[in-house]
Amino acid sequence: VGLFGQEYGVDTGNVVVIDRLFYSFPVGSEFTIVGG
């Protein structure tokens, strides 16, 4: 039944969590570095 899982679904037990914390910046005109 897990195949019916939804892309936007998450279960945090109604607790607020941090699920993104990263920094991206360009280097020159064509390179970009992303990390966190």
Full PDB file with SEQRES, HELIX, SHEET, SSBOND, CRYST1, ORIGX, SCALE, CONECT and MASTER records, all heavy atoms in Angstrom:
SEQRES   1 A   36  VAL GLY LEU PHE GLY GLN GLU TYR GLY VAL ASP THR GLY          
SEQRES   2 A   36  ASN VAL VAL VAL ILE ASP ARG LEU PHE TYR SER PHE PRO          
SEQRES   3 A   36  VAL GLY SER GLU PHE THR ILE VAL GLY GLY                      
HELIX    1 AA1 GLY A    2  PHE A    4  5                                   3    
SHEET    1 AA1 2 TYR A  23  VAL A  27  0                                        
SHEET    2 AA1 2 PHE A  31  GLY A  35 -1                                        
CRYST1    1.000    1.000    1.000  90.00  90.00  90.00 P 1           1          
ORIGX1      1.000000  0.000000  0.000000        0.00000                         
ORIGX2      0.000000  1.000000  0.000000        0.00000                         
ORIGX3      0.000000  0.000000  1.000000        0.00000                         
SCALE1      1.000000  0.000000  0.000000        0.00000                         
SCALE2      0.000000  1.000000  0.000000        0.00000                         
SCALE3      0.000000  0.000000  1.000000        0.00000                         
ATOM      1  N   VAL A   1       0.830  -1.195   0.000  1.00  0.00           N  
ATOM      2  CA  VAL A   1       0.000   0.000   0.000  1.00  0.00           C  
ATOM      3  C   VAL A   1       0.868   1.250   0.000  1.00  0.00           C  
ATOM      4  O   VAL A   1       0.420   2.337  -0.327  1.00  0.00           O  
ATOM      5  CB  VAL A   1      -0.963  -0.009   1.202  1.00  0.00           C  
ATOM      6  CG1 VAL A   1      -1.971   1.106   1.105  1.00  0.00           C  
ATOM      7  CG2 VAL A   1      -1.670  -1.358   1.293  1.00  0.00           C  
ATOM      8  N   GLY A   2       2.154   1.122   0.349  1.00  0.00           N  
ATOM      9  CA  GLY A   2       3.058   2.256   0.313  1.00  0.00           C  
ATOM     10  C   GLY A   2       3.195   2.853  -1.072  1.00  0.00           C  
ATOM     11  O   GLY A   2       3.556   4.022  -1.211  1.00  0.00           O  
ATOM     12  N   LEU A   3       2.883   2.083  -2.107  1.00  0.00           N  
ATOM     13  CA  LEU A   3       2.939   2.614  -3.460  1.00  0.00           C  
ATOM     14  C   LEU A   3       1.904   3.705  -3.693  1.00  0.00           C  
ATOM     15  O   LEU A   3       1.984   4.439  -4.673  1.00  0.00           O  
ATOM     16  CB  LEU A   3       2.737   1.481  -4.479  1.00  0.00           C  
ATOM     17  CG  LEU A   3       3.928   0.541  -4.657  1.00  0.00           C  
ATOM     18  CD1 LEU A   3       3.545  -0.654  -5.517  1.00  0.00           C  
ATOM     19  CD2 LEU A   3       5.096   1.273  -5.292  1.00  0.00           C  
ATOM     20  N   PHE A   4       0.925   3.800  -2.822  1.00  0.00           N  
ATOM     21  CA  PHE A   4      -0.031   4.894  -2.905  1.00  0.00           C  
ATOM     22  C   PHE A   4       0.490   6.156  -2.198  1.00  0.00           C  
ATOM     23  O   PHE A   4      -0.221   7.147  -2.081  1.00  0.00           O  
ATOM     24  CB  PHE A   4      -1.366   4.487  -2.269  1.00  0.00           C  
ATOM     25  CG  PHE A   4      -2.242   3.662  -3.159  1.00  0.00           C  
ATOM     26  CD1 PHE A   4      -2.893   2.541  -2.663  1.00  0.00           C  
ATOM     27  CD2 PHE A   4      -2.422   3.986  -4.490  1.00  0.00           C  
ATOM     28  CE1 PHE A   4      -3.716   1.772  -3.475  1.00  0.00           C  
ATOM     29  CE2 PHE A   4      -3.240   3.232  -5.317  1.00  0.00           C  
ATOM     30  CZ  PHE A   4      -3.894   2.117  -4.805  1.00  0.00           C  
ATOM     31  N   GLY A   5       1.722   6.117  -1.730  1.00  0.00           N  
ATOM     32  CA  GLY A   5       2.291   7.258  -1.013  1.00  0.00           C  
ATOM     33  C   GLY A   5       2.274   8.520  -1.861  1.00  0.00           C  
ATOM     34  O   GLY A   5       2.449   8.482  -3.078  1.00  0.00           O  
ATOM     35  N   GLN A   6       2.085   9.664  -1.194  1.00  0.00           N  
ATOM     36  CA  GLN A   6       2.000  10.947  -1.888  1.00  0.00           C  
ATOM     37  C   GLN A   6       3.304  11.728  -1.763  1.00  0.00           C  
ATOM     38  O   GLN A   6       3.932  11.745  -0.702  1.00  0.00           O  
ATOM     39  CB  GLN A   6       0.853  11.761  -1.310  1.00  0.00           C  
ATOM     40  CG  GLN A   6      -0.487  11.063  -1.379  1.00  0.00           C  
ATOM     41  CD  GLN A   6      -0.886  10.753  -2.813  1.00  0.00           C  
ATOM     42  OE1 GLN A   6      -1.132  11.656  -3.604  1.00  0.00           O  
ATOM     43  NE2 GLN A   6      -0.957   9.478  -3.157  1.00  0.00           N  
ATOM     44  N   GLU A   7       3.686  12.412  -2.850  1.00  0.00           N  
ATOM     45  CA  GLU A   7       4.952  13.127  -2.891  1.00  0.00           C  
ATOM     46  C   GLU A   7       5.049  14.193  -1.814  1.00  0.00           C  
ATOM     47  O   GLU A   7       6.108  14.425  -1.238  1.00  0.00           O  
ATOM     48  CB  GLU A   7       5.131  13.763  -4.272  1.00  0.00           C  
ATOM     49  CG  GLU A   7       6.485  14.431  -4.499  1.00  0.00           C  
ATOM     50  CD  GLU A   7       6.559  15.844  -3.935  1.00  0.00           C  
ATOM     51  OE1 GLU A   7       5.499  16.472  -3.763  1.00  0.00           O  
ATOM     52  OE2 GLU A   7       7.672  16.298  -3.627  1.00  0.00           O  
ATOM     53  N   TYR A   8       3.971  14.863  -1.553  1.00  0.00           N  
ATOM     54  CA  TYR A   8       3.973  15.982  -0.625  1.00  0.00           C  
ATOM     55  C   TYR A   8       3.754  15.536   0.819  1.00  0.00           C  
ATOM     56  O   TYR A   8       3.707  16.364   1.731  1.00  0.00           O  
ATOM     57  CB  TYR A   8       2.848  16.957  -0.997  1.00  0.00           C  
ATOM     58  CG  TYR A   8       1.539  16.245  -1.233  1.00  0.00           C  
ATOM     59  CD1 TYR A   8       0.712  15.889  -0.183  1.00  0.00           C  
ATOM     60  CD2 TYR A   8       1.177  15.856  -2.521  1.00  0.00           C  
ATOM     61  CE1 TYR A   8      -0.446  15.183  -0.401  1.00  0.00           C  
ATOM     62  CE2 TYR A   8       0.005  15.155  -2.753  1.00  0.00           C  
ATOM     63  CZ  TYR A   8      -0.809  14.822  -1.690  1.00  0.00           C  
ATOM     64  OH  TYR A   8      -1.950  14.106  -1.898  1.00  0.00           O  
ATOM     65  N   GLY A   9       3.581  14.231   1.051  1.00  0.00           N  
ATOM     66  CA  GLY A   9       3.235  13.756   2.381  1.00  0.00           C  
ATOM     67  C   GLY A   9       4.436  13.570   3.280  1.00  0.00           C  
ATOM     68  O   GLY A   9       5.479  13.081   2.864  1.00  0.00           O  
ATOM     69  N   VAL A  10       4.307  13.952   4.530  1.00  0.00           N  
ATOM     70  CA  VAL A  10       5.339  13.723   5.530  1.00  0.00           C  
ATOM     71  C   VAL A  10       4.647  13.555   6.879  1.00  0.00           C  
ATOM     72  O   VAL A  10       3.584  14.138   7.126  1.00  0.00           O  
ATOM     73  CB  VAL A  10       6.347  14.897   5.585  1.00  0.00           C  
ATOM     74  CG1 VAL A  10       5.670  16.176   6.073  1.00  0.00           C  
ATOM     75  CG2 VAL A  10       7.544  14.569   6.470  1.00  0.00           C  
ATOM     76  N   ASP A  11       5.227  12.731   7.719  1.00  0.00           N  
ATOM     77  CA  ASP A  11       4.672  12.518   9.056  1.00  0.00           C  
ATOM     78  C   ASP A  11       5.719  12.922  10.074  1.00  0.00           C  
ATOM     79  O   ASP A  11       6.722  12.236  10.259  1.00  0.00           O  
ATOM     80  CB  ASP A  11       4.271  11.060   9.247  1.00  0.00           C  
ATOM     81  CG  ASP A  11       3.690  10.824  10.642  1.00  0.00           C  
ATOM     82  OD1 ASP A  11       3.143  11.789  11.208  1.00  0.00           O  
ATOM     83  OD2 ASP A  11       3.789   9.693  11.143  1.00  0.00           O  
ATOM     84  N   THR A  12       5.515  14.039  10.721  1.00  0.00           N  
ATOM     85  CA  THR A  12       6.425  14.496  11.773  1.00  0.00           C  
ATOM     86  C   THR A  12       5.784  14.355  13.145  1.00  0.00           C  
ATOM     87  O   THR A  12       6.339  14.844  14.133  1.00  0.00           O  
ATOM     88  CB  THR A  12       6.809  15.975  11.552  1.00  0.00           C  
ATOM     89  OG1 THR A  12       5.644  16.793  11.726  1.00  0.00           O  
ATOM     90  CG2 THR A  12       7.383  16.190  10.150  1.00  0.00           C  
ATOM     91  N   GLY A  13       4.610  13.705  13.193  1.00  0.00           N  
ATOM     92  CA  GLY A  13       3.902  13.614  14.460  1.00  0.00           C  
ATOM     93  C   GLY A  13       3.393  14.960  14.927  1.00  0.00           C  
ATOM     94  O   GLY A  13       3.313  15.219  16.129  1.00  0.00           O  
ATOM     95  N   ASN A  14       3.068  15.829  13.959  1.00  0.00           N  
ATOM     96  CA  ASN A  14       2.580  17.190  14.243  1.00  0.00           C  
ATOM     97  C   ASN A  14       3.627  18.054  14.936  1.00  0.00           C  
ATOM     98  O   ASN A  14       3.285  19.058  15.581  1.00  0.00           O  
ATOM     99  CB  ASN A  14       1.293  17.162  15.063  1.00  0.00           C  
ATOM    100  CG  ASN A  14       0.137  16.514  14.320  1.00  0.00           C  
ATOM    101  OD1 ASN A  14      -0.097  16.809  13.141  1.00  0.00           O  
ATOM    102  ND2 ASN A  14      -0.572  15.610  14.985  1.00  0.00           N  
ATOM    103  N   VAL A  15       4.883  17.657  14.819  1.00  0.00           N  
ATOM    104  CA  VAL A  15       5.984  18.441  15.377  1.00  0.00           C  
ATOM    105  C   VAL A  15       6.680  19.182  14.239  1.00  0.00           C  
ATOM    106  O   VAL A  15       6.887  18.629  13.160  1.00  0.00           O  
ATOM    107  CB  VAL A  15       6.992  17.533  16.107  1.00  0.00           C  
ATOM    108  CG1 VAL A  15       8.196  18.335  16.575  1.00  0.00           C  
ATOM    109  CG2 VAL A  15       6.319  16.837  17.282  1.00  0.00           C  
ATOM    110  N   VAL A  16       7.035  20.428  14.475  1.00  0.00           N  
ATOM    111  CA  VAL A  16       7.731  21.214  13.459  1.00  0.00           C  
ATOM    112  C   VAL A  16       9.210  20.818  13.437  1.00  0.00           C  
ATOM    113  O   VAL A  16       9.873  20.801  14.482  1.00  0.00           O  
ATOM    114  CB  VAL A  16       7.588  22.724  13.731  1.00  0.00           C  
ATOM    115  CG1 VAL A  16       8.380  23.526  12.702  1.00  0.00           C  
ATOM    116  CG2 VAL A  16       6.125  23.132  13.692  1.00  0.00           C  
ATOM    117  N   VAL A  17       9.713  20.506  12.248  1.00  0.00           N  
ATOM    118  CA  VAL A  17      11.115  20.112  12.090  1.00  0.00           C  
ATOM    119  C   VAL A  17      11.759  20.972  11.004  1.00  0.00           C  
ATOM    120  O   VAL A  17      11.071  21.607  10.206  1.00  0.00           O  
ATOM    121  CB  VAL A  17      11.243  18.615  11.714  1.00  0.00           C  
ATOM    122  CG1 VAL A  17      10.647  17.740  12.791  1.00  0.00           C  
ATOM    123  CG2 VAL A  17      10.577  18.346  10.362  1.00  0.00           C  
ATOM    124  N   ILE A  18      13.064  20.988  10.992  1.00  0.00           N  
ATOM    125  CA  ILE A  18      13.810  21.659   9.922  1.00  0.00           C  
ATOM    126  C   ILE A  18      14.147  20.615   8.877  1.00  0.00           C  
ATOM    127  O   ILE A  18      14.908  19.682   9.141  1.00  0.00           O  
ATOM    128  CB  ILE A  18      15.090  22.316  10.465  1.00  0.00           C  
ATOM    129  CG1 ILE A  18      14.735  23.430  11.452  1.00  0.00           C  
ATOM    130  CG2 ILE A  18      15.928  22.879   9.322  1.00  0.00           C  
ATOM    131  CD1 ILE A  18      15.926  24.087  12.103  1.00  0.00           C  
ATOM    132  N   ASP A  19      13.582  20.768   7.670  1.00  0.00           N  
ATOM    133  CA  ASP A  19      13.877  19.773   6.641  1.00  0.00           C  
ATOM    134  C   ASP A  19      14.666  20.368   5.473  1.00  0.00           C  
ATOM    135  O   ASP A  19      14.879  19.682   4.470  1.00  0.00           O  
ATOM    136  CB  ASP A  19      12.597  19.094   6.146  1.00  0.00           C  
ATOM    137  CG  ASP A  19      11.875  19.879   5.077  1.00  0.00           C  
ATOM    138  OD1 ASP A  19      11.944  21.127   5.099  1.00  0.00           O  
ATOM    139  OD2 ASP A  19      11.234  19.250   4.222  1.00  0.00           O  
ATOM    140  N   ARG A  20      15.102  21.636   5.602  1.00  0.00           N  
ATOM    141  CA  ARG A  20      16.060  22.214   4.662  1.00  0.00           C  
ATOM    142  C   ARG A  20      16.887  23.260   5.402  1.00  0.00           C  
ATOM    143  O   ARG A  20      16.361  24.101   6.125  1.00  0.00           O  
ATOM    144  CB  ARG A  20      15.374  22.910   3.483  1.00  0.00           C  
ATOM    145  CG  ARG A  20      14.674  22.011   2.511  1.00  0.00           C  
ATOM    146  CD  ARG A  20      15.636  21.133   1.695  1.00  0.00           C  
ATOM    147  NE  ARG A  20      14.916  20.579   0.583  1.00  0.00           N  
ATOM    148  CZ  ARG A  20      14.041  19.581   0.663  1.00  0.00           C  
ATOM    149  NH1 ARG A  20      13.809  19.035   1.854  1.00  0.00           N  
ATOM    150  NH2 ARG A  20      13.425  19.110  -0.394  1.00  0.00           N  
ATOM    151  N   LEU A  21      18.184  23.216   5.181  1.00  0.00           N  
ATOM    152  CA  LEU A  21      19.082  24.239   5.687  1.00  0.00           C  
ATOM    153  C   LEU A  21      20.354  24.176   4.844  1.00  0.00           C  
ATOM    154  O   LEU A  21      21.255  23.384   5.110  1.00  0.00           O  
ATOM    155  CB  LEU A  21      19.399  24.011   7.169  1.00  0.00           C  
ATOM    156  CG  LEU A  21      20.257  25.093   7.837  1.00  0.00           C  
ATOM    157  CD1 LEU A  21      19.593  26.460   7.730  1.00  0.00           C  
ATOM    158  CD2 LEU A  21      20.529  24.750   9.302  1.00  0.00           C  
ATOM    159  N   PHE A  22      20.382  24.991   3.795  1.00  0.00           N  
ATOM    160  CA  PHE A  22      21.540  24.958   2.895  1.00  0.00           C  
ATOM    161  C   PHE A  22      21.765  26.340   2.292  1.00  0.00           C  
ATOM    162  O   PHE A  22      20.905  27.222   2.355  1.00  0.00           O  
ATOM    163  CB  PHE A  22      21.351  23.913   1.789  1.00  0.00           C  
ATOM    164  CG  PHE A  22      20.233  24.219   0.821  1.00  0.00           C  
ATOM    165  CD1 PHE A  22      20.448  25.020  -0.300  1.00  0.00           C  
ATOM    166  CD2 PHE A  22      18.963  23.697   1.017  1.00  0.00           C  
ATOM    167  CE1 PHE A  22      19.428  25.301  -1.187  1.00  0.00           C  
ATOM    168  CE2 PHE A  22      17.932  23.966   0.121  1.00  0.00           C  
ATOM    169  CZ  PHE A  22      18.169  24.770  -0.980  1.00  0.00           C  
ATOM    170  N   TYR A  23      22.950  26.504   1.703  1.00  0.00           N  
ATOM    171  CA  TYR A  23      23.354  27.786   1.111  1.00  0.00           C  
ATOM    172  C   TYR A  23      23.897  27.524  -0.281  1.00  0.00           C  
ATOM    173  O   TYR A  23      24.684  26.589  -0.495  1.00  0.00           O  
ATOM    174  CB  TYR A  23      24.426  28.442   1.976  1.00  0.00           C  
ATOM    175  CG  TYR A  23      24.894  29.789   1.496  1.00  0.00           C  
ATOM    176  CD1 TYR A  23      24.014  30.872   1.435  1.00  0.00           C  
ATOM    177  CD2 TYR A  23      26.215  30.000   1.105  1.00  0.00           C  
ATOM    178  CE1 TYR A  23      24.445  32.121   1.007  1.00  0.00           C  
ATOM    179  CE2 TYR A  23      26.660  31.239   0.677  1.00  0.00           C  
ATOM    180  CZ  TYR A  23      25.770  32.302   0.633  1.00  0.00           C  
ATOM    181  OH  TYR A  23      26.195  33.530   0.206  1.00  0.00           O  
ATOM    182  N   SER A  24      23.466  28.336  -1.253  1.00  0.00           N  
ATOM    183  CA  SER A  24      23.980  28.222  -2.620  1.00  0.00           C  
ATOM    184  C   SER A  24      24.480  29.587  -3.075  1.00  0.00           C  
ATOM    185  O   SER A  24      23.881  30.618  -2.725  1.00  0.00           O  
ATOM    186  CB  SER A  24      22.888  27.714  -3.569  1.00  0.00           C  
ATOM    187  OG  SER A  24      21.855  28.666  -3.726  1.00  0.00           O  
ATOM    188  N   PHE A  25      25.539  29.581  -3.853  1.00  0.00           N  
ATOM    189  CA  PHE A  25      26.098  30.837  -4.340  1.00  0.00           C  
ATOM    190  C   PHE A  25      26.834  30.585  -5.657  1.00  0.00           C  
ATOM    191  O   PHE A  25      27.394  29.506  -5.880  1.00  0.00           O  
ATOM    192  CB  PHE A  25      27.061  31.451  -3.313  1.00  0.00           C  
ATOM    193  CG  PHE A  25      28.225  30.576  -2.949  1.00  0.00           C  
ATOM    194  CD1 PHE A  25      29.448  30.694  -3.602  1.00  0.00           C  
ATOM    195  CD2 PHE A  25      28.104  29.612  -1.956  1.00  0.00           C  
ATOM    196  CE1 PHE A  25      30.524  29.894  -3.261  1.00  0.00           C  
ATOM    197  CE2 PHE A  25      29.173  28.802  -1.610  1.00  0.00           C  
ATOM    198  CZ  PHE A  25      30.384  28.945  -2.268  1.00  0.00           C  
ATOM    199  N   PRO A  26      26.832  31.580  -6.546  1.00  0.00           N  
ATOM    200  CA  PRO A  26      27.506  31.418  -7.840  1.00  0.00           C  
ATOM    201  C   PRO A  26      29.006  31.648  -7.711  1.00  0.00           C  
ATOM    202  O   PRO A  26      29.467  32.419  -6.868  1.00  0.00           O  
ATOM    203  CB  PRO A  26      26.847  32.490  -8.706  1.00  0.00           C  
ATOM    204  CG  PRO A  26      26.482  33.573  -7.726  1.00  0.00           C  
ATOM    205  CD  PRO A  26      26.111  32.854  -6.448  1.00  0.00           C  
ATOM    206  N   VAL A  27      29.744  30.975  -8.568  1.00  0.00           N  
ATOM    207  CA  VAL A  27      31.172  31.200  -8.702  1.00  0.00           C  
ATOM    208  C   VAL A  27      31.418  31.520 -10.173  1.00  0.00           C  
ATOM    209  O   VAL A  27      31.346  30.641 -11.025  1.00  0.00           O  
ATOM    210  CB  VAL A  27      31.990  29.964  -8.269  1.00  0.00           C  
ATOM    211  CG1 VAL A  27      33.479  30.220  -8.479  1.00  0.00           C  
ATOM    212  CG2 VAL A  27      31.702  29.618  -6.818  1.00  0.00           C  
ATOM    213  N   GLY A  28      31.659  32.778 -10.459  1.00  0.00           N  
ATOM    214  CA  GLY A  28      31.732  33.188 -11.854  1.00  0.00           C  
ATOM    215  C   GLY A  28      30.340  33.241 -12.453  1.00  0.00           C  
ATOM    216  O   GLY A  28      29.329  33.390 -11.756  1.00  0.00           O  
ATOM    217  N   SER A  29      30.259  33.083 -13.756  1.00  0.00           N  
ATOM    218  CA  SER A  29      28.972  33.206 -14.445  1.00  0.00           C  
ATOM    219  C   SER A  29      28.292  31.873 -14.717  1.00  0.00           C  
ATOM    220  O   SER A  29      27.108  31.849 -15.052  1.00  0.00           O  
ATOM    221  CB  SER A  29      29.182  33.931 -15.784  1.00  0.00           C  
ATOM    222  OG  SER A  29      30.080  33.200 -16.616  1.00  0.00           O  
ATOM    223  N   GLU A  30      29.023  30.744 -14.553  1.00  0.00           N  
ATOM    224  CA  GLU A  30      28.444  29.457 -14.940  1.00  0.00           C  
ATOM    225  C   GLU A  30      28.487  28.394 -13.854  1.00  0.00           C  
ATOM    226  O   GLU A  30      27.824  27.361 -13.979  1.00  0.00           O  
ATOM    227  CB  GLU A  30      29.144  28.932 -16.202  1.00  0.00           C  
ATOM    228  CG  GLU A  30      28.934  29.819 -17.417  1.00  0.00           C  
ATOM    229  CD  GLU A  30      29.606  29.268 -18.671  1.00  0.00           C  
ATOM    230  OE1 GLU A  30      30.517  28.417 -18.522  1.00  0.00           O  
ATOM    231  OE2 GLU A  30      29.227  29.673 -19.785  1.00  0.00           O  
ATOM    232  N   PHE A  31      29.224  28.602 -12.776  1.00  0.00           N  
ATOM    233  CA  PHE A  31      29.332  27.600 -11.716  1.00  0.00           C  
ATOM    234  C   PHE A  31      28.516  28.018 -10.494  1.00  0.00           C  
ATOM    235  O   PHE A  31      28.412  29.201 -10.170  1.00  0.00           O  
ATOM    236  CB  PHE A  31      30.792  27.396 -11.304  1.00  0.00           C  
ATOM    237  CG  PHE A  31      31.606  26.617 -12.291  1.00  0.00           C  
ATOM    238  CD1 PHE A  31      32.279  27.268 -13.318  1.00  0.00           C  
ATOM    239  CD2 PHE A  31      31.695  25.236 -12.199  1.00  0.00           C  
ATOM    240  CE1 PHE A  31      33.041  26.554 -14.236  1.00  0.00           C  
ATOM    241  CE2 PHE A  31      32.445  24.518 -13.102  1.00  0.00           C  
ATOM    242  CZ  PHE A  31      33.117  25.170 -14.138  1.00  0.00           C  
ATOM    243  N   THR A  32      27.946  27.029  -9.822  1.00  0.00           N  
ATOM    244  CA  THR A  32      27.199  27.258  -8.586  1.00  0.00           C  
ATOM    245  C   THR A  32      27.559  26.175  -7.586  1.00  0.00           C  
ATOM    246  O   THR A  32      27.638  24.990  -7.931  1.00  0.00           O  
ATOM    247  CB  THR A  32      25.677  27.231  -8.836  1.00  0.00           C  
ATOM    248  OG1 THR A  32      25.331  28.252  -9.769  1.00  0.00           O  
ATOM    249  CG2 THR A  32      24.917  27.453  -7.539  1.00  0.00           C  
ATOM    250  N   ILE A  33      27.780  26.577  -6.339  1.00  0.00           N  
ATOM    251  CA  ILE A  33      28.093  25.643  -5.260  1.00  0.00           C  
ATOM    252  C   ILE A  33      26.911  25.639  -4.284  1.00  0.00           C  
ATOM    253  O   ILE A  33      26.384  26.697  -3.927  1.00  0.00           O  
ATOM    254  CB  ILE A  33      29.383  26.038  -4.534  1.00  0.00           C  
ATOM    255  CG1 ILE A  33      30.580  25.930  -5.491  1.00  0.00           C  
ATOM    256  CG2 ILE A  33      29.608  25.160  -3.305  1.00  0.00           C  
ATOM    257  CD1 ILE A  33      31.898  26.399  -4.893  1.00  0.00           C  
ATOM    258  N   VAL A  34      26.486  24.446  -3.885  1.00  0.00           N  
ATOM    259  CA  VAL A  34      25.362  24.278  -2.962  1.00  0.00           C  
ATOM    260  C   VAL A  34      25.794  23.343  -1.840  1.00  0.00           C  
ATOM    261  O   VAL A  34      26.414  22.313  -2.096  1.00  0.00           O  
ATOM    262  CB  VAL A  34      24.129  23.684  -3.674  1.00  0.00           C  
ATOM    263  CG1 VAL A  34      22.937  23.641  -2.719  1.00  0.00           C  
ATOM    264  CG2 VAL A  34      23.785  24.473  -4.932  1.00  0.00           C  
ATOM    265  N   GLY A  35      25.456  23.689  -0.615  1.00  0.00           N  
ATOM    266  CA  GLY A  35      25.811  22.799   0.481  1.00  0.00           C  
ATOM    267  C   GLY A  35      25.160  23.210   1.782  1.00  0.00           C  
ATOM    268  O   GLY A  35      24.723  24.349   1.941  1.00  0.00           O  
ATOM    269  N   GLY A  36      25.084  22.261   2.713  1.00  0.00           N  
ATOM    270  CA  GLY A  36      24.522  22.556   4.015  1.00  0.00           C  
ATOM    271  C   GLY A  36      24.306  21.298   4.827  1.00  0.00           C  
ATOM    272  O   GLY A  36      24.452  20.184   4.325  1.00  0.00           O  
TER     273      GLY A  36                                                      
MASTER        0    0    0    1    2    0    0    6  272    1    0    3          
END                                                                             
